[in-house]
Amino acid sequence: MSTSVKTVAIFNAKKGREDDLHALLRSMVTPSRAEPGNLRYDLWRETEQPGRFVLDELYVNADAITQHRASPHFQGYLARINDLADRTVVVLSADDVG
């Protein structure tokens, strides 16, 4: 069984904040991918609702997520995200992954 952990986050930009949200989320990609425990960090944008974004993240284990959340770039994101979007975050453990 895998110990990897997936995080999926869905963001709905607040009115007029779509560009700011996009910039913030894009600023997270490179430093997050560079983290030693990160296996995947992908940003998606919904085609029919351009103000909706999805982050698809995969980490080697729960400790890697803890380290990610303690990073300066994540702390900067936390300081701004609630002004820009409503969000839903789901943390998943592998059950039957191919």
PDB file of N, CA and C in Angstrom:
ATOM      1  N   MET A   1       0.838  -1.187   0.000  1.00  0.00           N
ATOM      2  CA  MET A   1       0.000   0.000   0.000  1.00  0.00           C
ATOM      3  C   MET A   1       0.885   1.253   0.000  1.00  0.00           C
ATOM      4  N   SER A   2       0.474   2.228  -0.750  1.00  0.00           N
ATOM      5  CA  SER A   2       1.211   3.476  -0.870  1.00  0.00           C
ATOM      6  C   SER A   2       0.970   4.366   0.345  1.00  0.00           C
ATOM      7  N   THR A   3       1.982   5.137   0.708  1.00  0.00           N
ATOM      8  CA  THR A   3       1.814   6.115   1.772  1.00  0.00           C
ATOM      9  C   THR A   3       1.608   7.509   1.192  1.00  0.00           C
ATOM     10  N   SER A   4       1.566   7.616  -0.132  1.00  0.00           N
ATOM     11  CA  SER A   4       1.417   8.927  -0.745  1.00  0.00           C
ATOM     12  C   SER A   4       0.059   9.532  -0.381  1.00  0.00           C
ATOM     13  N   VAL A   5       0.023  10.861  -0.433  1.00  0.00           N
ATOM     14  CA  VAL A   5      -1.176  11.607  -0.072  1.00  0.00           C
ATOM     15  C   VAL A   5      -1.463  12.619  -1.168  1.00  0.00           C
ATOM     16  N   LYS A   6      -2.707  12.674  -1.581  1.00  0.00           N
ATOM     17  CA  LYS A   6      -3.142  13.609  -2.623  1.00  0.00           C
ATOM     18  C   LYS A   6      -3.991  14.696  -1.985  1.00  0.00           C
ATOM     19  N   THR A   7      -3.796  15.894  -2.465  1.00  0.00           N
ATOM     20  CA  THR A   7      -4.625  17.017  -2.076  1.00  0.00           C
ATOM     21  C   THR A   7      -5.261  17.586  -3.338  1.00  0.00           C
ATOM     22  N   VAL A   8      -6.555  17.802  -3.279  1.00  0.00           N
ATOM     23  CA  VAL A   8      -7.272  18.452  -4.371  1.00  0.00           C
ATOM     24  C   VAL A   8      -7.939  19.685  -3.776  1.00  0.00           C
ATOM     25  N   ALA A   9      -7.677  20.814  -4.379  1.00  0.00           N
ATOM     26  CA  ALA A   9      -8.263  22.071  -3.899  1.00  0.00           C
ATOM     27  C   ALA A   9      -9.008  22.732  -5.049  1.00  0.00           C
ATOM     28  N   ILE A  10     -10.230  23.162  -4.774  1.00  0.00           N
ATOM     29  CA  ILE A  10     -11.049  23.841  -5.772  1.00  0.00           C
ATOM     30  C   ILE A  10     -11.252  25.279  -5.305  1.00  0.00           C
ATOM     31  N   PHE A  11     -10.969  26.206  -6.200  1.00  0.00           N
ATOM     32  CA  PHE A  11     -11.047  27.635  -5.891  1.00  0.00           C
ATOM     33  C   PHE A  11     -12.050  28.310  -6.802  1.00  0.00           C
ATOM     34  N   ASN A  12     -12.944  29.079  -6.229  1.00  0.00           N
ATOM     35  CA  ASN A  12     -13.878  29.918  -6.979  1.00  0.00           C
ATOM     36  C   ASN A  12     -13.520  31.368  -6.685  1.00  0.00           C
ATOM     37  N   ALA A  13     -13.035  32.060  -7.708  1.00  0.00           N
ATOM     38  CA  ALA A  13     -12.603  33.444  -7.524  1.00  0.00           C
ATOM     39  C   ALA A  13     -13.765  34.324  -7.103  1.00  0.00           C
ATOM     40  N   LYS A  14     -13.469  35.219  -6.187  1.00  0.00           N
ATOM     41  CA  LYS A  14     -14.455  36.234  -5.823  1.00  0.00           C
ATOM     42  C   LYS A  14     -14.568  37.222  -6.982  1.00  0.00           C
ATOM     43  N   LYS A  15     -15.715  37.846  -7.094  1.00  0.00           N
ATOM     44  CA  LYS A  15     -15.996  38.736  -8.205  1.00  0.00           C
ATOM     45  C   LYS A  15     -14.890  39.786  -8.390  1.00  0.00           C
ATOM     46  N   GLY A  16     -14.378  39.845  -9.609  1.00  0.00           N
ATOM     47  CA  GLY A  16     -13.336  40.807  -9.946  1.00  0.00           C
ATOM     48  C   GLY A  16     -11.934  40.399  -9.509  1.00  0.00           C
ATOM     49  N   ARG A  17     -11.779  39.231  -8.902  1.00  0.00           N
ATOM     50  CA  ARG A  17     -10.475  38.811  -8.381  1.00  0.00           C
ATOM     51  C   ARG A  17      -9.854  37.644  -9.169  1.00  0.00           C
ATOM     52  N   GLU A  18     -10.429  37.322 -10.330  1.00  0.00           N
ATOM     53  CA  GLU A  18      -9.972  36.186 -11.110  1.00  0.00           C
ATOM     54  C   GLU A  18      -8.489  36.272 -11.458  1.00  0.00           C
ATOM     55  N   ASP A  19      -8.048  37.428 -11.954  1.00  0.00           N
ATOM     56  CA  ASP A  19      -6.643  37.578 -12.360  1.00  0.00           C
ATOM     57  C   ASP A  19      -5.705  37.499 -11.155  1.00  0.00           C
ATOM     58  N   ASP A  20      -6.102  38.104 -10.035  1.00  0.00           N
ATOM     59  CA  ASP A  20      -5.275  38.055  -8.829  1.00  0.00           C
ATOM     60  C   ASP A  20      -5.160  36.621  -8.309  1.00  0.00           C
ATOM     61  N   LEU A  21      -6.279  35.899  -8.336  1.00  0.00           N
ATOM     62  CA  LEU A  21      -6.257  34.505  -7.898  1.00  0.00           C
ATOM     63  C   LEU A  21      -5.355  33.679  -8.806  1.00  0.00           C
ATOM     64  N   HIS A  22      -5.506  33.850 -10.103  1.00  0.00           N
ATOM     65  CA  HIS A  22      -4.677  33.102 -11.052  1.00  0.00           C
ATOM     66  C   HIS A  22      -3.195  33.372 -10.801  1.00  0.00           C
ATOM     67  N   ALA A  23      -2.839  34.630 -10.603  1.00  0.00           N
ATOM     68  CA  ALA A  23      -1.440  34.982 -10.346  1.00  0.00           C
ATOM     69  C   ALA A  23      -0.929  34.339  -9.058  1.00  0.00           C
ATOM     70  N   LEU A  24      -1.741  34.362  -8.014  1.00  0.00           N
ATOM     71  CA  LEU A  24      -1.323  33.750  -6.748  1.00  0.00           C
ATOM     72  C   LEU A  24      -1.117  32.250  -6.911  1.00  0.00           C
ATOM     73  N   LEU A  25      -2.071  31.577  -7.529  1.00  0.00           N
ATOM     74  CA  LEU A  25      -1.949  30.131  -7.699  1.00  0.00           C
ATOM     75  C   LEU A  25      -0.756  29.771  -8.585  1.00  0.00           C
ATOM     76  N   ARG A  26      -0.531  30.516  -9.638  1.00  0.00           N
ATOM     77  CA  ARG A  26       0.634  30.249 -10.505  1.00  0.00           C
ATOM     78  C   ARG A  26       1.947  30.477  -9.750  1.00  0.00           C
ATOM     79  N   SER A  27       1.951  31.434  -8.830  1.00  0.00           N
ATOM     80  CA  SER A  27       3.181  31.706  -8.075  1.00  0.00           C
ATOM     81  C   SER A  27       3.550  30.549  -7.151  1.00  0.00           C
ATOM     82  N   MET A  28       2.605  29.675  -6.887  1.00  0.00           N
ATOM     83  CA  MET A  28       2.845  28.523  -6.010  1.00  0.00           C
ATOM     84  C   MET A  28       3.443  27.318  -6.743  1.00  0.00           C
ATOM     85  N   VAL A  29       3.288  27.266  -8.058  1.00  0.00           N
ATOM     86  CA  VAL A  29       3.637  26.072  -8.815  1.00  0.00           C
ATOM     87  C   VAL A  29       5.125  25.736  -8.718  1.00  0.00           C
ATOM     88  N   THR A  30       5.993  26.626  -9.124  1.00  0.00           N
ATOM     89  CA  THR A  30       7.432  26.318  -9.169  1.00  0.00           C
ATOM     90  C   THR A  30       8.008  25.994  -7.798  1.00  0.00           C
ATOM     91  N   PRO A  31       7.784  26.812  -6.758  1.00  0.00           N
ATOM     92  CA  PRO A  31       8.361  26.456  -5.462  1.00  0.00           C
ATOM     93  C   PRO A  31       7.767  25.178  -4.866  1.00  0.00           C
ATOM     94  N   SER A  32       6.495  24.917  -5.125  1.00  0.00           N
ATOM     95  CA  SER A  32       5.871  23.695  -4.594  1.00  0.00           C
ATOM     96  C   SER A  32       6.434  22.457  -5.289  1.00  0.00           C
ATOM     97  N   ARG A  33       6.613  22.532  -6.600  1.00  0.00           N
ATOM     98  CA  ARG A  33       7.195  21.402  -7.330  1.00  0.00           C
ATOM     99  C   ARG A  33       8.628  21.124  -6.903  1.00  0.00           C
ATOM    100  N   ALA A  34       9.314  22.142  -6.414  1.00  0.00           N
ATOM    101  CA  ALA A  34      10.707  21.982  -6.002  1.00  0.00           C
ATOM    102  C   ALA A  34      10.860  21.361  -4.614  1.00  0.00           C
ATOM    103  N   GLU A  35       9.782  21.242  -3.874  1.00  0.00           N
ATOM    104  CA  GLU A  35       9.857  20.658  -2.534  1.00  0.00           C
ATOM    105  C   GLU A  35      10.232  19.182  -2.638  1.00  0.00           C
ATOM    106  N   PRO A  36      11.110  18.703  -1.747  1.00  0.00           N
ATOM    107  CA  PRO A  36      11.580  17.318  -1.846  1.00  0.00           C
ATOM    108  C   PRO A  36      10.479  16.261  -1.730  1.00  0.00           C
ATOM    109  N   GLY A  37       9.405  16.536  -1.029  1.00  0.00           N
ATOM    110  CA  GLY A  37       8.347  15.547  -0.862  1.00  0.00           C
ATOM    111  C   GLY A  37       7.219  15.655  -1.873  1.00  0.00           C
ATOM    112  N   ASN A  38       7.344  16.581  -2.817  1.00  0.00           N
ATOM    113  CA  ASN A  38       6.286  16.772  -3.803  1.00  0.00           C
ATOM    114  C   ASN A  38       6.512  15.879  -5.012  1.00  0.00           C
ATOM    115  N   LEU A  39       5.477  15.142  -5.392  1.00  0.00           N
ATOM    116  CA  LEU A  39       5.538  14.294  -6.580  1.00  0.00           C
ATOM    117  C   LEU A  39       4.796  14.925  -7.761  1.00  0.00           C
ATOM    118  N   ARG A  40       3.839  15.787  -7.458  1.00  0.00           N
ATOM    119  CA  ARG A  40       3.031  16.393  -8.524  1.00  0.00           C
ATOM    120  C   ARG A  40       2.346  17.637  -7.973  1.00  0.00           C
ATOM    121  N   TYR A  41       2.303  18.670  -8.790  1.00  0.00           N
ATOM    122  CA  TYR A  41       1.628  19.904  -8.410  1.00  0.00           C
ATOM    123  C   TYR A  41       1.112  20.546  -9.690  1.00  0.00           C
ATOM    124  N   ASP A  42      -0.138  20.310  -9.992  1.00  0.00           N
ATOM    125  CA  ASP A  42      -0.708  20.749 -11.258  1.00  0.00           C
ATOM    126  C   ASP A  42      -1.862  21.715 -11.024  1.00  0.00           C
ATOM    127  N   LEU A  43      -1.855  22.812 -11.770  1.00  0.00           N
ATOM    128  CA  LEU A  43      -2.907  23.816 -11.706  1.00  0.00           C
ATOM    129  C   LEU A  43      -3.780  23.681 -12.946  1.00  0.00           C
ATOM    130  N   TRP A  44      -5.073  23.570 -12.723  1.00  0.00           N
ATOM    131  CA  TRP A  44      -6.055  23.457 -13.796  1.00  0.00           C
ATOM    132  C   TRP A  44      -7.027  24.626 -13.711  1.00  0.00           C
ATOM    133  N   ARG A  45      -7.556  25.012 -14.880  1.00  0.00           N
ATOM    134  CA  ARG A  45      -8.572  26.069 -14.942  1.00  0.00           C
ATOM    135  C   ARG A  45      -9.792  25.509 -15.660  1.00  0.00           C
ATOM    136  N   GLU A  46     -10.951  25.700 -15.062  1.00  0.00           N
ATOM    137  CA  GLU A  46     -12.168  25.179 -15.678  1.00  0.00           C
ATOM    138  C   GLU A  46     -12.455  25.930 -16.973  1.00  0.00           C
ATOM    139  N   THR A  47     -12.773  25.184 -18.018  1.00  0.00           N
ATOM    140  CA  THR A  47     -12.977  25.802 -19.331  1.00  0.00           C
ATOM    141  C   THR A  47     -14.249  26.637 -19.406  1.00  0.00           C
ATOM    142  N   GLU A  48     -15.300  26.218 -18.733  1.00  0.00           N
ATOM    143  CA  GLU A  48     -16.567  26.943 -18.825  1.00  0.00           C
ATOM    144  C   GLU A  48     -16.756  27.989 -17.730  1.00  0.00           C
ATOM    145  N   GLN A  49     -15.920  27.955 -16.715  1.00  0.00           N
ATOM    146  CA  GLN A  49     -15.947  28.957 -15.649  1.00  0.00           C
ATOM    147  C   GLN A  49     -14.504  29.397 -15.400  1.00  0.00           C
ATOM    148  N   PRO A  50     -14.012  30.374 -16.152  1.00  0.00           N
ATOM    149  CA  PRO A  50     -12.602  30.763 -16.056  1.00  0.00           C
ATOM    150  C   PRO A  50     -12.155  31.235 -14.677  1.00  0.00           C
ATOM    151  N   GLY A  51     -13.092  31.543 -13.791  1.00  0.00           N
ATOM    152  CA  GLY A  51     -12.740  31.952 -12.433  1.00  0.00           C
ATOM    153  C   GLY A  51     -12.642  30.787 -11.464  1.00  0.00           C
ATOM    154  N   ARG A  52     -12.749  29.560 -11.979  1.00  0.00           N
ATOM    155  CA  ARG A  52     -12.643  28.366 -11.133  1.00  0.00           C
ATOM    156  C   ARG A  52     -11.350  27.630 -11.481  1.00  0.00           C
ATOM    157  N   PHE A  53     -10.585  27.329 -10.433  1.00  0.00           N
ATOM    158  CA  PHE A  53      -9.301  26.641 -10.592  1.00  0.00           C
ATOM    159  C   PHE A  53      -9.273  25.398  -9.717  1.00  0.00           C
ATOM    160  N   VAL A  54      -8.490  24.422 -10.132  1.00  0.00           N
ATOM    161  CA  VAL A  54      -8.309  23.196  -9.361  1.00  0.00           C
ATOM    162  C   VAL A  54      -6.817  22.938  -9.239  1.00  0.00           C
ATOM    163  N   LEU A  55      -6.360  22.724  -8.016  1.00  0.00           N
ATOM    164  CA  LEU A  55      -4.982  22.284  -7.769  1.00  0.00           C
ATOM    165  C   LEU A  55      -5.018  20.797  -7.479  1.00  0.00           C
ATOM    166  N   ASP A  56      -4.169  20.057  -8.167  1.00  0.00           N
ATOM    167  CA  ASP A  56      -4.042  18.615  -7.996  1.00  0.00           C
ATOM    168  C   ASP A  56      -2.619  18.371  -7.517  1.00  0.00           C
ATOM    169  N   GLU A  57      -2.477  17.991  -6.253  1.00  0.00           N
ATOM    170  CA  GLU A  57      -1.164  17.848  -5.626  1.00  0.00           C
ATOM    171  C   GLU A  57      -0.964  16.409  -5.157  1.00  0.00           C
ATOM    172  N   LEU A  58       0.270  15.936  -5.244  1.00  0.00           N
ATOM    173  CA  LEU A  58       0.596  14.601  -4.747  1.00  0.00           C
ATOM    174  C   LEU A  58       1.917  14.684  -3.988  1.00  0.00           C
ATOM    175  N   TYR A  59       1.905  14.128  -2.784  1.00  0.00           N
ATOM    176  CA  TYR A  59       3.080  14.155  -1.909  1.00  0.00           C
ATOM    177  C   TYR A  59       3.470  12.740  -1.504  1.00  0.00           C
ATOM    178  N   VAL A  60       4.727  12.557  -1.152  1.00  0.00           N
ATOM    179  CA  VAL A  60       5.202  11.216  -0.796  1.00  0.00           C
ATOM    180  C   VAL A  60       4.551  10.697   0.473  1.00  0.00           C
ATOM    181  N   ASN A  61       4.177  11.599   1.387  1.00  0.00           N
ATOM    182  CA  ASN A  61       3.534  11.180   2.639  1.00  0.00           C
ATOM    183  C   ASN A  61       2.958  12.405   3.342  1.00  0.00           C
ATOM    184  N   ALA A  62       2.320  12.177   4.468  1.00  0.00           N
ATOM    185  CA  ALA A  62       1.696  13.269   5.223  1.00  0.00           C
ATOM    186  C   ALA A  62       2.723  14.269   5.741  1.00  0.00           C
ATOM    187  N   ASP A  63       3.926  13.805   6.075  1.00  0.00           N
ATOM    188  CA  ASP A  63       4.970  14.734   6.530  1.00  0.00           C
ATOM    189  C   ASP A  63       5.324  15.745   5.446  1.00  0.00           C
ATOM    190  N   ALA A  64       5.299  15.309   4.188  1.00  0.00           N
ATOM    191  CA  ALA A  64       5.613  16.217   3.080  1.00  0.00           C
ATOM    192  C   ALA A  64       4.562  17.322   2.966  1.00  0.00           C
ATOM    193  N   ILE A  65       3.303  16.987   3.236  1.00  0.00           N
ATOM    194  CA  ILE A  65       2.256  18.017   3.229  1.00  0.00           C
ATOM    195  C   ILE A  65       2.484  18.991   4.385  1.00  0.00           C
ATOM    196  N   THR A  66       2.848  18.464   5.540  1.00  0.00           N
ATOM    197  CA  THR A  66       3.137  19.330   6.687  1.00  0.00           C
ATOM    198  C   THR A  66       4.265  20.297   6.354  1.00  0.00           C
ATOM    199  N   GLN A  67       5.317  19.800   5.713  1.00  0.00           N
ATOM    200  CA  GLN A  67       6.443  20.661   5.316  1.00  0.00           C
ATOM    201  C   GLN A  67       5.998  21.697   4.282  1.00  0.00           C
ATOM    202  N   HIS A  68       5.171  21.260   3.335  1.00  0.00           N
ATOM    203  CA  HIS A  68       4.652  22.198   2.328  1.00  0.00           C
ATOM    204  C   HIS A  68       3.892  23.328   3.008  1.00  0.00           C
ATOM    205  N   ARG A  69       3.037  22.983   3.943  1.00  0.00           N
ATOM    206  CA  ARG A  69       2.210  23.996   4.606  1.00  0.00           C
ATOM    207  C   ARG A  69       3.011  24.921   5.517  1.00  0.00           C
ATOM    208  N   ALA A  70       4.200  24.513   5.901  1.00  0.00           N
ATOM    209  CA  ALA A  70       5.076  25.356   6.723  1.00  0.00           C
ATOM    210  C   ALA A  70       5.986  26.243   5.869  1.00  0.00           C
ATOM    211  N   SER A  71       5.997  26.029   4.561  1.00  0.00           N
ATOM    212  CA  SER A  71       6.915  26.759   3.677  1.00  0.00           C
ATOM    213  C   SER A  71       6.530  28.234   3.581  1.00  0.00           C
ATOM    214  N   PRO A  72       7.509  29.094   3.307  1.00  0.00           N
ATOM    215  CA  PRO A  72       7.207  30.526   3.156  1.00  0.00           C
ATOM    216  C   PRO A  72       6.206  30.810   2.036  1.00  0.00           C
ATOM    217  N   HIS A  73       6.306  30.086   0.912  1.00  0.00           N
ATOM    218  CA  HIS A  73       5.371  30.365  -0.184  1.00  0.00           C
ATOM    219  C   HIS A  73       3.940  29.963   0.197  1.00  0.00           C
ATOM    220  N   PHE A  74       3.774  28.877   0.961  1.00  0.00           N
ATOM    221  CA  PHE A  74       2.430  28.496   1.389  1.00  0.00           C
ATOM    222  C   PHE A  74       1.897  29.489   2.420  1.00  0.00           C
ATOM    223  N   GLN A  75       2.737  29.952   3.315  1.00  0.00           N
ATOM    224  CA  GLN A  75       2.294  30.932   4.310  1.00  0.00           C
ATOM    225  C   GLN A  75       1.872  32.241   3.645  1.00  0.00           C
ATOM    226  N   GLY A  76       2.590  32.644   2.591  1.00  0.00           N
ATOM    227  CA  GLY A  76       2.205  33.833   1.829  1.00  0.00           C
ATOM    228  C   GLY A  76       0.866  33.644   1.126  1.00  0.00           C
ATOM    229  N   TYR A  77       0.669  32.454   0.588  1.00  0.00           N
ATOM    230  CA  TYR A  77      -0.604  32.096  -0.043  1.00  0.00           C
ATOM    231  C   TYR A  77      -1.744  32.173   0.980  1.00  0.00           C
ATOM    232  N   LEU A  78      -1.528  31.599   2.165  1.00  0.00           N
ATOM    233  CA  LEU A  78      -2.559  31.615   3.203  1.00  0.00           C
ATOM    234  C   LEU A  78      -2.962  33.029   3.598  1.00  0.00           C
ATOM    235  N   ALA A  79      -2.007  33.933   3.595  1.00  0.00           N
ATOM    236  CA  ALA A  79      -2.280  35.314   3.985  1.00  0.00           C
ATOM    237  C   ALA A  79      -3.191  36.022   2.983  1.00  0.00           C
ATOM    238  N   ARG A  80      -3.270  35.520   1.743  1.00  0.00           N
ATOM    239  CA  ARG A  80      -4.024  36.206   0.693  1.00  0.00           C
ATOM    240  C   ARG A  80      -5.256  35.468   0.181  1.00  0.00           C
ATOM    241  N   ILE A  81      -5.285  34.157   0.291  1.00  0.00           N
ATOM    242  CA  ILE A  81      -6.279  33.378  -0.430  1.00  0.00           C
ATOM    243  C   ILE A  81      -7.726  33.704  -0.056  1.00  0.00           C
ATOM    244  N   ASN A  82      -8.015  33.954   1.193  1.00  0.00           N
ATOM    245  CA  ASN A  82      -9.408  34.196   1.597  1.00  0.00           C
ATOM    246  C   ASN A  82      -9.973  35.497   1.035  1.00  0.00           C
ATOM    247  N   ASP A  83      -9.103  36.440   0.667  1.00  0.00           N
ATOM    248  CA  ASP A  83      -9.561  37.673   0.023  1.00  0.00           C
ATOM    249  C   ASP A  83      -9.866  37.453  -1.455  1.00  0.00           C
ATOM    250  N   LEU A  84      -9.317  36.388  -2.025  1.00  0.00           N
ATOM    251  CA  LEU A  84      -9.417  36.176  -3.470  1.00  0.00           C
ATOM    252  C   LEU A  84     -10.420  35.118  -3.884  1.00  0.00           C
ATOM    253  N   ALA A  85     -10.674  34.141  -3.008  1.00  0.00           N
ATOM    254  CA  ALA A  85     -11.486  33.004  -3.444  1.00  0.00           C
ATOM    255  C   ALA A  85     -12.167  32.299  -2.284  1.00  0.00           C
ATOM    256  N   ASP A  86     -13.220  31.595  -2.645  1.00  0.00           N
ATOM    257  CA  ASP A  86     -13.796  30.587  -1.769  1.00  0.00           C
ATOM    258  C   ASP A  86     -13.141  29.281  -2.186  1.00  0.00           C
ATOM    259  N   ARG A  87     -12.836  28.416  -1.225  1.00  0.00           N
ATOM    260  CA  ARG A  87     -12.099  27.206  -1.581  1.00  0.00           C
ATOM    261  C   ARG A  87     -12.596  26.004  -0.809  1.00  0.00           C
ATOM    262  N   THR A  88     -12.389  24.864  -1.431  1.00  0.00           N
ATOM    263  CA  THR A  88     -12.657  23.576  -0.820  1.00  0.00           C
ATOM    264  C   THR A  88     -11.397  22.749  -0.985  1.00  0.00           C
ATOM    265  N   VAL A  89     -10.900  22.172   0.106  1.00  0.00           N
ATOM    266  CA  VAL A  89      -9.684  21.354   0.061  1.00  0.00           C
ATOM    267  C   VAL A  89     -10.026  19.960   0.575  1.00  0.00           C
ATOM    268  N   VAL A  90      -9.600  18.961  -0.181  1.00  0.00           N
ATOM    269  CA  VAL A  90      -9.808  17.572   0.192  1.00  0.00           C
ATOM    270  C   VAL A  90      -8.452  16.886   0.233  1.00  0.00           C
ATOM    271  N   VAL A  91      -8.135  16.228   1.349  1.00  0.00           N
ATOM    272  CA  VAL A  91      -6.893  15.464   1.487  1.00  0.00           C
ATOM    273  C   VAL A  91      -7.256  13.991   1.406  1.00  0.00           C
ATOM    274  N   LEU A  92      -6.597  13.283   0.499  1.00  0.00           N
ATOM    275  CA  LEU A  92      -6.949  11.891   0.197  1.00  0.00           C
ATOM    276  C   LEU A  92      -5.779  10.955   0.441  1.00  0.00           C
ATOM    277  N   SER A  93      -6.057   9.789   0.981  1.00  0.00           N
ATOM    278  CA  SER A  93      -5.032   8.761   1.067  1.00  0.00           C
ATOM    279  C   SER A  93      -5.371   7.690   0.027  1.00  0.00           C
ATOM    280  N   ALA A  94      -4.353   7.040  -0.484  1.00  0.00           N
ATOM    281  CA  ALA A  94      -4.542   6.049  -1.539  1.00  0.00           C
ATOM    282  C   ALA A  94      -5.329   4.859  -1.012  1.00  0.00           C
ATOM    283  N   ASP A  95      -6.282   4.413  -1.778  1.00  0.00           N
ATOM    284  CA  ASP A  95      -7.078   3.242  -1.425  1.00  0.00           C
ATOM    285  C   ASP A  95      -6.831   2.135  -2.445  1.00  0.00           C
ATOM    286  N   ASP A  96      -7.053   2.448  -3.721  1.00  0.00           N
ATOM    287  CA  ASP A  96      -6.792   1.493  -4.783  1.00  0.00           C
ATOM    288  C   ASP A  96      -6.377   2.297  -6.007  1.00  0.00           C
ATOM    289  N   VAL A  97      -5.118   2.638  -6.076  1.00  0.00           N
ATOM    290  CA  VAL A  97      -4.593   3.527  -7.110  1.00  0.00           C
ATOM    291  C   VAL A  97      -3.686   2.735  -8.018  1.00  0.00           C
ATOM    292  N   GLY A  98      -3.888   2.899  -9.322  1.00  0.00           N
ATOM    293  CA  GLY A  98      -3.096   2.158 -10.302  1.00  0.00           C
ATOM    294  C   GLY A  98      -1.883   2.909 -10.768  1.00  0.00           C
TER     295      GLY A  98
END
